[in-house]
């Protein structure tokens, strides 16, 4: 994978500043819109609250007790755990244009192999990561998100699929896509693709159909 040299990177705080300058799109709770920038804000809140860099915080918790050895946040100053084989991301299926997600930081720079992704989502949905009150909030879509046709709890997408009610999340950045969910019927699916031409969710839904048929 080619790393970003950072020459054109405006910096996380600059990105947050741009969003703050624009002001809110609507009053809290009035509508729903997904925002990657909010994850940058959350990352800075974690760093200031715990007085530590985000990559260090995430290496220790919350997945350390789960034994997720191939999960880390990528950035210019961090390296993947060893041994880890890194797949290069590609734009529109072009093998000569590899890209790196290190510039996404908290808004999409988190990496995991599919085994770790499955183990994490199972633990998260089964209640082994957060207390029951937070888990309920994750599984309960807001009224605004339901009205927008995109049921979304606290950081959790809620989808009705042939293999059950699915709780999880998609991920998409330049050169990479992923989808993972754990259903109320005990089915867990995780898919990674390393180009921006295929659709990870299409593959995940096809696997869901196969499981449902059986």
C-alpha atoms as a PDB file:
ATOM      1  CA  UNK A   1       0.000   0.000   0.000  1.00  0.00           C
ATOM      2  CA  UNK A   2       1.239   3.464  -0.792  1.00  0.00           C
ATOM      3  CA  UNK A   3       1.143   5.873   2.123  1.00  0.00           C
ATOM      4  CA  UNK A   4       0.014   9.450   1.768  1.00  0.00           C
ATOM      5  CA  UNK A   5       2.857  11.964   1.939  1.00  0.00           C
ATOM      6  CA  UNK A   6       0.529  14.459   3.597  1.00  0.00           C
ATOM      7  CA  UNK A   7       1.440  17.261   1.192  1.00  0.00           C
ATOM      8  CA  UNK A   8      -2.184  18.032   0.343  1.00  0.00           C
ATOM      9  CA  UNK A   9      -3.650  17.014   3.706  1.00  0.00           C
ATOM     10  CA  UNK A  10      -5.352  20.038   5.331  1.00  0.00           C
ATOM     11  CA  UNK A  11      -5.204  18.432   8.780  1.00  0.00           C
ATOM     12  CA  UNK A  12      -7.929  17.079  11.028  1.00  0.00           C
ATOM     13  CA  UNK A  13      -8.456  20.306  12.959  1.00  0.00           C
ATOM     14  CA  UNK A  14      -8.777  22.277   9.734  1.00  0.00           C
ATOM     15  CA  UNK A  15     -11.455  19.864   8.498  1.00  0.00           C
ATOM     16  CA  UNK A  16     -13.338  20.199  11.794  1.00  0.00           C
ATOM     17  CA  UNK A  17     -12.982  23.971  11.532  1.00  0.00           C
ATOM     18  CA  UNK A  18     -14.509  24.007   8.061  1.00  0.00           C
ATOM     19  CA  UNK A  19     -17.530  22.102   9.366  1.00  0.00           C
ATOM     20  CA  UNK A  20     -17.870  24.412  12.362  1.00  0.00           C
ATOM     21  CA  UNK A  21     -17.715  27.468  10.119  1.00  0.00           C
ATOM     22  CA  UNK A  22     -20.583  26.103   8.039  1.00  0.00           C
ATOM     23  CA  UNK A  23     -22.752  25.755  11.129  1.00  0.00           C
ATOM     24  CA  UNK A  24     -25.412  23.089  11.750  1.00  0.00           C
ATOM     25  CA  UNK A  25     -27.563  21.863   8.875  1.00  0.00           C
ATOM     26  CA  UNK A  26     -30.592  21.667  11.161  1.00  0.00           C
ATOM     27  CA  UNK A  27     -31.603  21.723  14.822  1.00  0.00           C
ATOM     28  CA  UNK A  28     -30.571  18.615  16.823  1.00  0.00           C
ATOM     29  CA  UNK A  29     -33.157  15.860  16.399  1.00  0.00           C
ATOM     30  CA  UNK A  30     -35.100  17.686  13.694  1.00  0.00           C
ATOM     31  CA  UNK A  31     -33.586  15.757  10.788  1.00  0.00           C
ATOM     32  CA  UNK A  32     -30.999  13.087  10.077  1.00  0.00           C
ATOM     33  CA  UNK A  33     -27.796  13.163   8.041  1.00  0.00           C
ATOM     34  CA  UNK A  34     -24.707  10.984   8.218  1.00  0.00           C
ATOM     35  CA  UNK A  35     -21.457  12.879   8.753  1.00  0.00           C
ATOM     36  CA  UNK A  36     -17.908  11.531   8.580  1.00  0.00           C
ATOM     37  CA  UNK A  37     -16.632  14.770  10.123  1.00  0.00           C
ATOM     38  CA  UNK A  38     -18.469  13.954  13.336  1.00  0.00           C
ATOM     39  CA  UNK A  39     -16.118  10.994  13.784  1.00  0.00           C
ATOM     40  CA  UNK A  40     -13.149  13.365  13.601  1.00  0.00           C
ATOM     41  CA  UNK A  41     -14.810  15.425  16.352  1.00  0.00           C
ATOM     42  CA  UNK A  42     -15.309  12.256  18.412  1.00  0.00           C
ATOM     43  CA  UNK A  43     -11.664  11.319  17.899  1.00  0.00           C
ATOM     44  CA  UNK A  44     -10.490  14.686  19.212  1.00  0.00           C
ATOM     45  CA  UNK A  45     -12.874  14.414  22.198  1.00  0.00           C
ATOM     46  CA  UNK A  46     -11.363  11.021  23.068  1.00  0.00           C
ATOM     47  CA  UNK A  47      -7.830  12.376  22.811  1.00  0.00           C
ATOM     48  CA  UNK A  48      -8.553  15.391  25.003  1.00  0.00           C
ATOM     49  CA  UNK A  49     -10.541  13.382  27.555  1.00  0.00           C
ATOM     50  CA  UNK A  50      -7.987  10.586  27.921  1.00  0.00           C
ATOM     51  CA  UNK A  51      -4.899  12.736  27.199  1.00  0.00           C
ATOM     52  CA  UNK A  52      -3.525  10.248  24.687  1.00  0.00           C
ATOM     53  CA  UNK A  53      -3.284   9.877  20.894  1.00  0.00           C
ATOM     54  CA  UNK A  54      -6.213   8.109  19.251  1.00  0.00           C
ATOM     55  CA  UNK A  55      -4.189   5.212  17.856  1.00  0.00           C
ATOM     56  CA  UNK A  56      -2.908   4.413  21.359  1.00  0.00           C
ATOM     57  CA  UNK A  57      -6.388   4.648  22.868  1.00  0.00           C
ATOM     58  CA  UNK A  58      -7.833   2.286  20.282  1.00  0.00           C
ATOM     59  CA  UNK A  59      -5.011  -0.216  20.668  1.00  0.00           C
ATOM     60  CA  UNK A  60      -5.914  -0.628  24.333  1.00  0.00           C
ATOM     61  CA  UNK A  61      -9.717  -0.439  24.288  1.00  0.00           C
ATOM     62  CA  UNK A  62     -12.366  -1.460  23.621  1.00  0.00           C
ATOM     63  CA  UNK A  63     -11.225  -4.469  21.629  1.00  0.00           C
ATOM     64  CA  UNK A  64      -8.053  -5.469  23.481  1.00  0.00           C
ATOM     65  CA  UNK A  65      -9.928  -8.006  25.678  1.00  0.00           C
ATOM     66  CA  UNK A  66     -11.455  -9.557  22.537  1.00  0.00           C
ATOM     67  CA  UNK A  67      -8.087 -10.573  21.125  1.00  0.00           C
ATOM     68  CA  UNK A  68      -8.432  -8.572  17.903  1.00  0.00           C
ATOM     69  CA  UNK A  69      -4.805  -8.636  16.842  1.00  0.00           C
ATOM     70  CA  UNK A  70      -5.274  -7.229  13.341  1.00  0.00           C
ATOM     71  CA  UNK A  71      -7.256  -4.103  14.104  1.00  0.00           C
ATOM     72  CA  UNK A  72      -5.672  -0.657  14.167  1.00  0.00           C
ATOM     73  CA  UNK A  73      -6.226   2.923  13.074  1.00  0.00           C
ATOM     74  CA  UNK A  74      -4.064   3.890  10.147  1.00  0.00           C
ATOM     75  CA  UNK A  75      -2.286   7.196   9.967  1.00  0.00           C
ATOM     76  CA  UNK A  76       0.983   8.759   8.822  1.00  0.00           C
ATOM     77  CA  UNK A  77       2.635   7.983  12.170  1.00  0.00           C
ATOM     78  CA  UNK A  78       1.168   4.517  12.857  1.00  0.00           C
ATOM     79  CA  UNK A  79       1.976   1.069  11.560  1.00  0.00           C
ATOM     80  CA  UNK A  80      -0.123  -2.106  11.329  1.00  0.00           C
ATOM     81  CA  UNK A  81       0.412  -4.879  13.847  1.00  0.00           C
ATOM     82  CA  UNK A  82       2.717  -7.629  12.674  1.00  0.00           C
ATOM     83  CA  UNK A  83       2.405  -9.906  10.876  1.00  0.00           C
ATOM     84  CA  UNK A  84      -0.271  -8.247   8.732  1.00  0.00           C
ATOM     85  CA  UNK A  85      -0.608  -8.455   4.954  1.00  0.00           C
ATOM     86  CA  UNK A  86      -1.969  -5.165   3.626  1.00  0.00           C
ATOM     87  CA  UNK A  87      -4.137  -5.079   0.515  1.00  0.00           C
ATOM     88  CA  UNK A  88      -3.709  -1.967  -1.594  1.00  0.00           C
ATOM     89  CA  UNK A  89      -6.840  -0.005  -2.411  1.00  0.00           C
ATOM     90  CA  UNK A  90      -7.663   0.905  -5.996  1.00  0.00           C
ATOM     91  CA  UNK A  91      -9.907   3.441  -7.678  1.00  0.00           C
ATOM     92  CA  UNK A  92     -12.375   2.185 -10.287  1.00  0.00           C
ATOM     93  CA  UNK A  93     -10.580  -1.115 -10.678  1.00  0.00           C
ATOM     94  CA  UNK A  94      -7.372   0.488 -11.948  1.00  0.00           C
ATOM     95  CA  UNK A  95      -4.391  -1.509 -10.623  1.00  0.00           C
ATOM     96  CA  UNK A  96      -1.951   1.324 -11.290  1.00  0.00           C
ATOM     97  CA  UNK A  97      -3.654   3.805  -8.951  1.00  0.00           C
ATOM     98  CA  UNK A  98      -3.235   2.495  -5.382  1.00  0.00           C
ATOM     99  CA  UNK A  99      -4.448   4.722  -2.564  1.00  0.00           C
ATOM    100  CA  UNK A 100      -4.090   4.723   1.215  1.00  0.00           C
ATOM    101  CA  UNK A 101      -6.808   5.499   3.802  1.00  0.00           C
ATOM    102  CA  UNK A 102      -4.374   6.974   6.330  1.00  0.00           C
ATOM    103  CA  UNK A 103      -5.762  10.480   5.748  1.00  0.00           C
ATOM    104  CA  UNK A 104      -9.212   9.384   6.963  1.00  0.00           C
ATOM    105  CA  UNK A 105      -8.100   9.012  10.608  1.00  0.00           C
ATOM    106  CA  UNK A 106     -11.200   8.603  12.846  1.00  0.00           C
ATOM    107  CA  UNK A 107     -13.610   8.992   9.924  1.00  0.00           C
ATOM    108  CA  UNK A 108     -12.553   5.876   8.047  1.00  0.00           C
ATOM    109  CA  UNK A 109      -8.927   5.017   8.750  1.00  0.00           C
ATOM    110  CA  UNK A 110      -9.794   2.133  11.062  1.00  0.00           C
ATOM    111  CA  UNK A 111      -8.562  -1.180   9.666  1.00  0.00           C
ATOM    112  CA  UNK A 112      -9.397  -4.779  10.523  1.00  0.00           C
ATOM    113  CA  UNK A 113      -9.244  -8.100   8.756  1.00  0.00           C
ATOM    114  CA  UNK A 114     -12.541  -9.924   8.231  1.00  0.00           C
ATOM    115  CA  UNK A 115     -11.986 -12.301  11.149  1.00  0.00           C
ATOM    116  CA  UNK A 116     -11.538  -9.412  13.573  1.00  0.00           C
ATOM    117  CA  UNK A 117     -14.512  -7.640  12.011  1.00  0.00           C
ATOM    118  CA  UNK A 118     -16.757 -10.664  12.562  1.00  0.00           C
ATOM    119  CA  UNK A 119     -15.572 -11.125  16.148  1.00  0.00           C
ATOM    120  CA  UNK A 120     -16.032  -7.421  16.928  1.00  0.00           C
ATOM    121  CA  UNK A 121     -19.530  -7.146  15.491  1.00  0.00           C
ATOM    122  CA  UNK A 122     -20.689 -10.288  17.260  1.00  0.00           C
ATOM    123  CA  UNK A 123     -19.382  -8.994  20.590  1.00  0.00           C
ATOM    124  CA  UNK A 124     -20.875  -5.538  20.024  1.00  0.00           C
ATOM    125  CA  UNK A 125     -24.336  -6.854  19.146  1.00  0.00           C
ATOM    126  CA  UNK A 126     -24.312  -9.555  21.830  1.00  0.00           C
ATOM    127  CA  UNK A 127     -23.635  -6.943  24.526  1.00  0.00           C
ATOM    128  CA  UNK A 128     -20.041  -7.836  25.399  1.00  0.00           C
ATOM    129  CA  UNK A 129     -18.659  -4.346  24.671  1.00  0.00           C
ATOM    130  CA  UNK A 130     -21.084  -1.685  25.936  1.00  0.00           C
ATOM    131  CA  UNK A 131     -23.587  -1.601  28.824  1.00  0.00           C
ATOM    132  CA  UNK A 132     -27.260  -2.458  28.133  1.00  0.00           C
ATOM    133  CA  UNK A 133     -28.412   1.185  28.075  1.00  0.00           C
ATOM    134  CA  UNK A 134     -25.929   2.069  25.327  1.00  0.00           C
ATOM    135  CA  UNK A 135     -26.676  -1.148  23.461  1.00  0.00           C
ATOM    136  CA  UNK A 136     -30.392  -0.308  23.431  1.00  0.00           C
ATOM    137  CA  UNK A 137     -29.582   3.113  22.001  1.00  0.00           C
ATOM    138  CA  UNK A 138     -27.512   1.513  19.259  1.00  0.00           C
ATOM    139  CA  UNK A 139     -30.371  -0.766  18.258  1.00  0.00           C
ATOM    140  CA  UNK A 140     -33.096   1.891  18.367  1.00  0.00           C
ATOM    141  CA  UNK A 141     -33.180   4.020  15.214  1.00  0.00           C
ATOM    142  CA  UNK A 142     -33.985   7.677  15.741  1.00  0.00           C
ATOM    143  CA  UNK A 143     -37.309   8.961  14.461  1.00  0.00           C
ATOM    144  CA  UNK A 144     -35.497  11.344  12.124  1.00  0.00           C
ATOM    145  CA  UNK A 145     -33.418   8.557  10.549  1.00  0.00           C
ATOM    146  CA  UNK A 146     -36.491   6.399  10.063  1.00  0.00           C
ATOM    147  CA  UNK A 147     -38.314   9.293   8.425  1.00  0.00           C
ATOM    148  CA  UNK A 148     -35.339   9.664   6.069  1.00  0.00           C
ATOM    149  CA  UNK A 149     -35.578   5.973   5.144  1.00  0.00           C
ATOM    150  CA  UNK A 150     -32.210   5.170   6.707  1.00  0.00           C
ATOM    151  CA  UNK A 151     -32.834   3.590  10.142  1.00  0.00           C
ATOM    152  CA  UNK A 152     -29.834   4.468  12.289  1.00  0.00           C
ATOM    153  CA  UNK A 153     -29.232   4.088  16.005  1.00  0.00           C
ATOM    154  CA  UNK A 154     -26.219   5.337  17.945  1.00  0.00           C
ATOM    155  CA  UNK A 155     -23.521   4.435  15.436  1.00  0.00           C
ATOM    156  CA  UNK A 156     -25.401   1.362  14.231  1.00  0.00           C
ATOM    157  CA  UNK A 157     -27.310   0.738  11.009  1.00  0.00           C
ATOM    158  CA  UNK A 158     -30.472  -1.345  11.407  1.00  0.00           C
ATOM    159  CA  UNK A 159     -31.503  -3.245   8.297  1.00  0.00           C
ATOM    160  CA  UNK A 160     -34.236  -5.804   7.573  1.00  0.00           C
ATOM    161  CA  UNK A 161     -32.755  -8.580   5.434  1.00  0.00           C
ATOM    162  CA  UNK A 162     -33.840 -12.111   4.432  1.00  0.00           C
ATOM    163  CA  UNK A 163     -31.464 -13.576   7.028  1.00  0.00           C
ATOM    164  CA  UNK A 164     -32.901 -11.451   9.858  1.00  0.00           C
ATOM    165  CA  UNK A 165     -32.796  -7.980  11.334  1.00  0.00           C
ATOM    166  CA  UNK A 166     -29.214  -6.913  10.760  1.00  0.00           C
ATOM    167  CA  UNK A 167     -27.164  -4.675  13.040  1.00  0.00           C
ATOM    168  CA  UNK A 168     -23.882  -3.353  11.721  1.00  0.00           C
ATOM    169  CA  UNK A 169     -22.312  -0.786   9.460  1.00  0.00           C
ATOM    170  CA  UNK A 170     -20.902  -0.153   6.036  1.00  0.00           C
ATOM    171  CA  UNK A 171     -17.586   1.491   5.314  1.00  0.00           C
ATOM    172  CA  UNK A 172     -16.459   3.296   2.201  1.00  0.00           C
ATOM    173  CA  UNK A 173     -13.436   5.394   1.330  1.00  0.00           C
ATOM    174  CA  UNK A 174     -11.271   5.929  -1.731  1.00  0.00           C
ATOM    175  CA  UNK A 175     -10.166   2.468  -2.860  1.00  0.00           C
ATOM    176  CA  UNK A 176     -11.893   0.445  -0.144  1.00  0.00           C
ATOM    177  CA  UNK A 177     -15.370  -0.736   0.865  1.00  0.00           C
ATOM    178  CA  UNK A 178     -16.720  -2.970   3.603  1.00  0.00           C
ATOM    179  CA  UNK A 179     -19.961  -4.169   5.099  1.00  0.00           C
ATOM    180  CA  UNK A 180     -20.541  -6.166   8.253  1.00  0.00           C
ATOM    181  CA  UNK A 181     -23.637  -7.107  10.219  1.00  0.00           C
ATOM    182  CA  UNK A 182     -24.829  -9.545  12.869  1.00  0.00           C
ATOM    183  CA  UNK A 183     -28.491 -10.569  12.757  1.00  0.00           C
ATOM    184  CA  UNK A 184     -31.062 -11.519  15.355  1.00  0.00           C
ATOM    185  CA  UNK A 185     -30.945 -15.024  13.844  1.00  0.00           C
ATOM    186  CA  UNK A 186     -27.275 -15.392  14.763  1.00  0.00           C
ATOM    187  CA  UNK A 187     -25.844 -14.793  11.286  1.00  0.00           C
ATOM    188  CA  UNK A 188     -22.681 -12.698  10.988  1.00  0.00           C
ATOM    189  CA  UNK A 189     -21.352 -11.531   7.630  1.00  0.00           C
ATOM    190  CA  UNK A 190     -18.302  -9.393   6.878  1.00  0.00           C
ATOM    191  CA  UNK A 191     -17.079  -8.397   3.426  1.00  0.00           C
ATOM    192  CA  UNK A 192     -14.066  -6.337   2.331  1.00  0.00           C
ATOM    193  CA  UNK A 193     -13.311  -5.198  -1.210  1.00  0.00           C
ATOM    194  CA  UNK A 194     -10.247  -3.174  -2.148  1.00  0.00           C
ATOM    195  CA  UNK A 195     -11.579  -1.170  -5.062  1.00  0.00           C
ATOM    196  CA  UNK A 196     -14.248   1.460  -5.587  1.00  0.00           C
ATOM    197  CA  UNK A 197     -15.925  -0.380  -8.444  1.00  0.00           C
ATOM    198  CA  UNK A 198     -17.434  -3.393  -6.657  1.00  0.00           C
ATOM    199  CA  UNK A 199     -20.120  -3.041  -3.994  1.00  0.00           C
ATOM    200  CA  UNK A 200     -19.340  -4.774  -0.694  1.00  0.00           C
ATOM    201  CA  UNK A 201     -23.000  -4.625   0.351  1.00  0.00           C
ATOM    202  CA  UNK A 202     -24.114  -6.433  -2.830  1.00  0.00           C
ATOM    203  CA  UNK A 203     -21.816  -9.316  -1.918  1.00  0.00           C
ATOM    204  CA  UNK A 204     -22.946  -9.266   1.716  1.00  0.00           C
ATOM    205  CA  UNK A 205     -26.628  -9.310   0.742  1.00  0.00           C
ATOM    206  CA  UNK A 206     -26.038 -12.185  -1.700  1.00  0.00           C
ATOM    207  CA  UNK A 207     -24.404 -14.161   1.127  1.00  0.00           C
ATOM    208  CA  UNK A 208     -27.387 -13.300   3.319  1.00  0.00           C
ATOM    209  CA  UNK A 209     -29.726 -14.707   0.662  1.00  0.00           C
ATOM    210  CA  UNK A 210     -27.715 -17.943   0.539  1.00  0.00           C
ATOM    211  CA  UNK A 211     -27.843 -18.317   4.315  1.00  0.00           C
ATOM    212  CA  UNK A 212     -31.572 -17.590   4.351  1.00  0.00           C
ATOM    213  CA  UNK A 213     -32.253 -20.160   1.639  1.00  0.00           C
ATOM    214  CA  UNK A 214     -30.562 -22.842   3.724  1.00  0.00           C
END
